[in-house]
Amino acid sequence: RQSKRESWRERAALRSGDRHVSMGQPRGPEGGSSGVGVSFEPSGDGDDLMTIIALRPGGAAQESGEVQLGDKIVAVNGRSARGCSVQDLLQLITGPAHTTVELELLEGPRGRGGRGGARSVKRVVLQRSPAMMPSV
């Protein structure tokens, strides 16, 4: 059963079977689950992993400088992400605001290994935070 605090975008993505989902959508002041500011989708190359396709400006992932577009999510808090659905991975990554989550990432083709180099796995610890939209 979905939480009433889920953002409309997450609910719509899950209902429609959308191929990607954004983490850290705007939340109300009541809190609820928070993310790390990444969007991901299935990699499409048969490895059963999700690929990071966007970083939210000011989000924990972008601010860390360690998470890059094209990185693949291998594990979350030590639990394998291989074969996870978008919804399963969403539940693993999101959690209470100001708590940490550890992502194990396979560097994308533009990672430190470069296009011709070996791709390495890196561990990144990020603090979850609510993504608040500026009011106008």
C-alpha atoms as a PDB file:
ATOM      1  CA  ARG A   1       0.000   0.000   0.000  1.00  0.00           C
ATOM      2  CA  GLN A   2       1.357   3.417  -0.969  1.00  0.00           C
ATOM      3  CA  SER A   3       1.919   6.068   1.664  1.00  0.00           C
ATOM      4  CA  LYS A   4      -0.297   9.151   1.556  1.00  0.00           C
ATOM      5  CA  ARG A   5       2.894  11.188   1.761  1.00  0.00           C
ATOM      6  CA  GLU A   6       4.254   9.954  -1.572  1.00  0.00           C
ATOM      7  CA  SER A   7       4.457  12.695  -4.129  1.00  0.00           C
ATOM      8  CA  TRP A   8       1.982  12.730  -6.971  1.00  0.00           C
ATOM      9  CA  ARG A   9       4.822  12.119  -9.419  1.00  0.00           C
ATOM     10  CA  GLU A  10       5.987   8.937  -7.677  1.00  0.00           C
ATOM     11  CA  ARG A  11       2.413   7.596  -7.524  1.00  0.00           C
ATOM     12  CA  ALA A  12       1.844   8.422 -11.182  1.00  0.00           C
ATOM     13  CA  ALA A  13       5.132   6.812 -12.184  1.00  0.00           C
ATOM     14  CA  LEU A  14       4.336   3.638 -10.290  1.00  0.00           C
ATOM     15  CA  ARG A  15       0.750   3.413 -11.620  1.00  0.00           C
ATOM     16  CA  SER A  16       1.729   4.058 -15.210  1.00  0.00           C
ATOM     17  CA  GLY A  17       4.735   1.735 -15.204  1.00  0.00           C
ATOM     18  CA  ASP A  18       6.949   4.696 -16.079  1.00  0.00           C
ATOM     19  CA  ARG A  19      10.468   3.553 -16.920  1.00  0.00           C
ATOM     20  CA  HIS A  20      12.185   6.077 -14.655  1.00  0.00           C
ATOM     21  CA  VAL A  21      11.535   7.778 -11.362  1.00  0.00           C
ATOM     22  CA  SER A  22      12.902  10.861  -9.667  1.00  0.00           C
ATOM     23  CA  MET A  23      14.109  10.703  -6.098  1.00  0.00           C
ATOM     24  CA  GLY A  24      13.608  13.531  -3.649  1.00  0.00           C
ATOM     25  CA  GLN A  25      10.431  14.996  -5.066  1.00  0.00           C
ATOM     26  CA  PRO A  26       8.973  17.979  -3.231  1.00  0.00           C
ATOM     27  CA  ARG A  27       7.582  17.124   0.185  1.00  0.00           C
ATOM     28  CA  GLY A  28       5.441  19.055   2.559  1.00  0.00           C
ATOM     29  CA  PRO A  29       6.693  20.287   5.918  1.00  0.00           C
ATOM     30  CA  GLU A  30       5.253  17.178   7.581  1.00  0.00           C
ATOM     31  CA  GLY A  31       8.255  15.208   6.338  1.00  0.00           C
ATOM     32  CA  GLY A  32       7.782  11.689   5.079  1.00  0.00           C
ATOM     33  CA  SER A  33      10.217   9.798   2.938  1.00  0.00           C
ATOM     34  CA  SER A  34      13.131  11.732   1.494  1.00  0.00           C
ATOM     35  CA  GLY A  35      15.541  10.946  -1.297  1.00  0.00           C
ATOM     36  CA  VAL A  36      19.025  11.759  -2.476  1.00  0.00           C
ATOM     37  CA  GLY A  37      18.204  13.656  -5.680  1.00  0.00           C
ATOM     38  CA  VAL A  38      18.669  11.091  -8.454  1.00  0.00           C
ATOM     39  CA  SER A  39      16.489   9.891 -11.312  1.00  0.00           C
ATOM     40  CA  PHE A  40      17.048   6.410 -12.701  1.00  0.00           C
ATOM     41  CA  GLU A  41      15.724   3.961 -15.262  1.00  0.00           C
ATOM     42  CA  PRO A  42      16.452   0.367 -16.288  1.00  0.00           C
ATOM     43  CA  SER A  43      19.801   0.217 -18.063  1.00  0.00           C
ATOM     44  CA  GLY A  44      18.423  -1.670 -21.054  1.00  0.00           C
ATOM     45  CA  ASP A  45      21.624  -3.604 -21.637  1.00  0.00           C
ATOM     46  CA  GLY A  46      20.554  -6.840 -19.975  1.00  0.00           C
ATOM     47  CA  ASP A  47      22.422  -6.430 -16.676  1.00  0.00           C
ATOM     48  CA  ASP A  48      19.229  -5.974 -14.560  1.00  0.00           C
ATOM     49  CA  LEU A  49      20.561  -2.727 -13.038  1.00  0.00           C
ATOM     50  CA  MET A  50      19.213   0.827 -12.966  1.00  0.00           C
ATOM     51  CA  THR A  51      21.172   3.669 -14.565  1.00  0.00           C
ATOM     52  CA  ILE A  52      21.260   7.188 -13.121  1.00  0.00           C
ATOM     53  CA  ILE A  53      19.889   9.559 -15.761  1.00  0.00           C
ATOM     54  CA  ALA A  54      19.586  12.852 -13.830  1.00  0.00           C
ATOM     55  CA  LEU A  55      20.836  14.591 -10.684  1.00  0.00           C
ATOM     56  CA  ARG A  56      18.662  17.151  -8.915  1.00  0.00           C
ATOM     57  CA  PRO A  57      20.560  20.445  -8.520  1.00  0.00           C
ATOM     58  CA  GLY A  58      21.421  20.875  -4.850  1.00  0.00           C
ATOM     59  CA  GLY A  59      20.506  17.269  -4.042  1.00  0.00           C
ATOM     60  CA  ALA A  60      22.776  15.058  -1.950  1.00  0.00           C
ATOM     61  CA  ALA A  61      23.955  13.039  -4.958  1.00  0.00           C
ATOM     62  CA  GLN A  62      24.993  16.100  -6.946  1.00  0.00           C
ATOM     63  CA  GLU A  63      26.520  17.852  -3.932  1.00  0.00           C
ATOM     64  CA  SER A  64      28.694  14.809  -3.156  1.00  0.00           C
ATOM     65  CA  GLY A  65      30.479  15.082  -6.489  1.00  0.00           C
ATOM     66  CA  GLU A  66      30.745  11.278  -6.471  1.00  0.00           C
ATOM     67  CA  VAL A  67      27.551  10.353  -8.313  1.00  0.00           C
ATOM     68  CA  GLN A  68      27.633  10.813 -12.091  1.00  0.00           C
ATOM     69  CA  LEU A  69      25.165  10.411 -14.928  1.00  0.00           C
ATOM     70  CA  GLY A  70      25.475   6.910 -16.364  1.00  0.00           C
ATOM     71  CA  ASP A  71      26.483   5.300 -13.050  1.00  0.00           C
ATOM     72  CA  LYS A  72      24.591   2.067 -12.377  1.00  0.00           C
ATOM     73  CA  ILE A  73      23.117   1.263  -8.962  1.00  0.00           C
ATOM     74  CA  VAL A  74      24.601  -2.081  -7.871  1.00  0.00           C
ATOM     75  CA  ALA A  75      23.523  -2.134  -4.207  1.00  0.00           C
ATOM     76  CA  VAL A  76      21.739  -0.025  -1.582  1.00  0.00           C
ATOM     77  CA  ASN A  77      22.844  -0.375   2.041  1.00  0.00           C
ATOM     78  CA  GLY A  78      24.548  -3.647   1.154  1.00  0.00           C
ATOM     79  CA  ARG A  79      21.477  -5.143  -0.528  1.00  0.00           C
ATOM     80  CA  SER A  80      21.846  -6.048  -4.199  1.00  0.00           C
ATOM     81  CA  ALA A  81      19.882  -3.875  -6.596  1.00  0.00           C
ATOM     82  CA  ARG A  82      20.201  -6.400  -9.432  1.00  0.00           C
ATOM     83  CA  GLY A  83      16.742  -7.291 -10.695  1.00  0.00           C
ATOM     84  CA  CYS A  84      14.961  -4.709  -8.509  1.00  0.00           C
ATOM     85  CA  SER A  85      11.916  -3.016  -9.950  1.00  0.00           C
ATOM     86  CA  VAL A  86      11.722   0.775  -9.960  1.00  0.00           C
ATOM     87  CA  GLN A  87       9.330   0.590  -7.002  1.00  0.00           C
ATOM     88  CA  ASP A  88      11.639  -1.756  -5.040  1.00  0.00           C
ATOM     89  CA  LEU A  89      14.652   0.477  -5.602  1.00  0.00           C
ATOM     90  CA  LEU A  90      12.624   3.544  -4.687  1.00  0.00           C
ATOM     91  CA  GLN A  91      11.738   1.940  -1.353  1.00  0.00           C
ATOM     92  CA  LEU A  92      15.391   1.042  -0.678  1.00  0.00           C
ATOM     93  CA  ILE A  93      16.778   4.504  -1.425  1.00  0.00           C
ATOM     94  CA  THR A  94      14.143   6.707   0.187  1.00  0.00           C
ATOM     95  CA  GLY A  95      13.747   6.995   3.935  1.00  0.00           C
ATOM     96  CA  PRO A  96      13.430   9.456   6.786  1.00  0.00           C
ATOM     97  CA  ALA A  97      14.999  12.876   6.187  1.00  0.00           C
ATOM     98  CA  HIS A  98      18.521  13.389   7.533  1.00  0.00           C
ATOM     99  CA  THR A  99      19.338   9.661   7.625  1.00  0.00           C
ATOM    100  CA  THR A 100      22.040   8.146   5.444  1.00  0.00           C
ATOM    101  CA  VAL A 101      21.946   5.626   2.635  1.00  0.00           C
ATOM    102  CA  GLU A 102      24.945   3.880   1.067  1.00  0.00           C
ATOM    103  CA  LEU A 103      24.900   3.380  -2.690  1.00  0.00           C
ATOM    104  CA  GLU A 104      27.279   1.028  -4.436  1.00  0.00           C
ATOM    105  CA  LEU A 105      27.678   2.336  -7.983  1.00  0.00           C
ATOM    106  CA  LEU A 106      29.305   0.939 -11.108  1.00  0.00           C
ATOM    107  CA  GLU A 107      30.883   3.933 -12.783  1.00  0.00           C
ATOM    108  CA  GLY A 108      29.345   4.885 -16.084  1.00  0.00           C
ATOM    109  CA  PRO A 109      31.349   5.200 -19.298  1.00  0.00           C
ATOM    110  CA  ARG A 110      32.284   8.797 -18.408  1.00  0.00           C
ATOM    111  CA  GLY A 111      33.462   7.851 -14.905  1.00  0.00           C
ATOM    112  CA  ARG A 112      37.018   8.068 -13.648  1.00  0.00           C
ATOM    113  CA  GLY A 113      37.938   4.986 -15.680  1.00  0.00           C
ATOM    114  CA  GLY A 114      37.254   6.898 -18.909  1.00  0.00           C
ATOM    115  CA  ARG A 115      35.718   5.406 -22.020  1.00  0.00           C
ATOM    116  CA  GLY A 116      38.539   2.990 -22.675  1.00  0.00           C
ATOM    117  CA  GLY A 117      39.386   2.153 -19.078  1.00  0.00           C
ATOM    118  CA  ALA A 118      38.004  -0.436 -16.718  1.00  0.00           C
ATOM    119  CA  ARG A 119      34.828   0.593 -14.900  1.00  0.00           C
ATOM    120  CA  SER A 120      35.154   0.491 -11.140  1.00  0.00           C
ATOM    121  CA  VAL A 121      32.648   0.130  -8.331  1.00  0.00           C
ATOM    122  CA  LYS A 122      32.455   2.932  -5.769  1.00  0.00           C
ATOM    123  CA  ARG A 123      30.595   3.291  -2.485  1.00  0.00           C
ATOM    124  CA  VAL A 124      28.947   6.612  -1.720  1.00  0.00           C
ATOM    125  CA  VAL A 125      27.198   7.519   1.545  1.00  0.00           C
ATOM    126  CA  LEU A 126      24.533  10.195   1.088  1.00  0.00           C
ATOM    127  CA  GLN A 127      22.217  11.968   3.506  1.00  0.00           C
ATOM    128  CA  ARG A 128      18.543  11.889   2.557  1.00  0.00           C
ATOM    129  CA  SER A 129      16.796  15.227   2.455  1.00  0.00           C
ATOM    130  CA  PRO A 130      13.412  16.529   1.375  1.00  0.00           C
ATOM    131  CA  ALA A 131      13.467  18.398  -1.911  1.00  0.00           C
ATOM    132  CA  MET A 132      11.632  21.635  -1.366  1.00  0.00           C
ATOM    133  CA  MET A 133      10.568  23.745  -4.316  1.00  0.00           C
ATOM    134  CA  PRO A 134      11.197  27.464  -3.864  1.00  0.00           C
ATOM    135  CA  SER A 135       8.002  29.438  -3.454  1.00  0.00           C
ATOM    136  CA  VAL A 136       7.306  32.481  -5.579  1.00  0.00           C
END
